[in-house]
Amino acid sequence: MSKKLIDTSGLSCPQPVLLVKQAVEAGDKDLDIIVDTEVARENVGKFLKKAGLEYKEQEDGQQYHLLTK
């Protein structure tokens, strides 16, 4: 199964967290989440931890990828 891409570039909080929450509630656990602000990175990371999902971060220029396992 391939990762589900959630690109939240250009969106301000709480939109990135809400998009990720919708995906998790729909049963998607293997995610590649793109955020482009530090605040979104922190907030999405907090949500993933609260949801019990492990993830790793990769920085790609001015974007961050949060990859769940």
Protein backbone atom coordinates (compact mmCIF):
# COMPACT_ATOMS: atom_id res chain seq x y z
CA MET A 1 0.00 0.00 0.00
CA SER A 2 1.38 3.41 -0.91
CA LYS A 3 1.44 6.42 1.36
CA LYS A 4 -1.48 8.84 1.16
CA LEU A 5 -0.19 12.32 0.30
CA ILE A 6 -1.68 15.23 2.22
CA ASP A 7 -0.26 18.53 0.95
CA THR A 8 -1.14 21.35 3.33
CA SER A 9 1.19 23.90 1.72
CA GLY A 10 -0.23 27.40 1.91
CA LEU A 11 -2.86 26.49 4.50
CA SER A 12 -2.93 28.11 7.91
CA CYS A 13 -3.78 26.37 11.17
CA PRO A 14 -5.99 24.67 12.04
CA GLN A 15 -6.56 23.49 8.44
CA PRO A 16 -3.49 21.18 8.23
CA VAL A 17 -4.45 19.43 11.47
CA LEU A 18 -8.07 19.06 10.36
CA LEU A 19 -7.06 17.48 7.03
CA VAL A 20 -4.80 14.99 8.80
CA LYS A 21 -7.49 14.26 11.38
CA GLN A 22 -10.01 13.49 8.62
CA ALA A 23 -7.57 11.08 6.97
CA VAL A 24 -6.79 9.30 10.25
CA GLU A 25 -10.48 9.03 11.13
CA ALA A 26 -11.10 7.53 7.65
CA GLY A 27 -8.60 4.79 8.50
CA ASP A 28 -5.55 6.13 6.67
CA LYS A 29 -2.45 5.45 8.77
CA ASP A 30 0.34 5.46 6.15
CA LEU A 31 0.67 9.18 5.42
CA ASP A 32 3.08 11.62 3.77
CA ILE A 33 2.04 15.01 5.13
CA ILE A 34 3.59 18.14 3.62
CA VAL A 35 3.60 21.31 5.71
CA ASP A 36 5.35 24.57 4.96
CA THR A 37 5.36 26.38 8.29
CA GLU A 38 6.96 25.63 11.62
CA VAL A 39 3.62 26.11 13.40
CA ALA A 40 1.87 23.57 11.17
CA ARG A 41 4.78 21.14 11.62
CA GLU A 42 4.49 21.38 15.39
CA ASN A 43 0.69 21.18 15.48
CA VAL A 44 0.41 18.24 13.07
CA GLY A 45 3.18 16.48 14.99
CA LYS A 46 1.30 16.96 18.26
CA PHE A 47 -1.87 15.58 16.69
CA LEU A 48 -0.06 12.51 15.33
CA LYS A 49 1.42 11.77 18.77
CA LYS A 50 -1.98 12.20 20.42
CA ALA A 51 -3.47 9.83 17.81
CA GLY A 52 -0.81 7.25 18.71
CA LEU A 53 0.95 7.38 15.34
CA GLU A 54 4.72 7.26 15.05
CA TYR A 55 6.27 9.52 12.45
CA LYS A 56 9.56 10.86 11.20
CA GLU A 57 10.30 14.26 9.74
CA GLN A 58 12.22 15.14 6.60
CA GLU A 59 13.06 18.69 5.63
CA ASP A 60 12.85 19.42 1.91
CA GLY A 61 13.84 23.00 1.21
CA GLN A 62 11.10 25.15 2.70
CA GLN A 63 8.77 22.22 3.34
CA TYR A 64 8.61 19.46 5.90
CA HIS A 65 7.40 15.93 5.25
CA LEU A 66 5.91 14.11 8.22
CA LEU A 67 5.91 10.42 7.34
CA THR A 68 3.85 8.05 9.45
CA LYS A 69 4.68 4.38 9.83
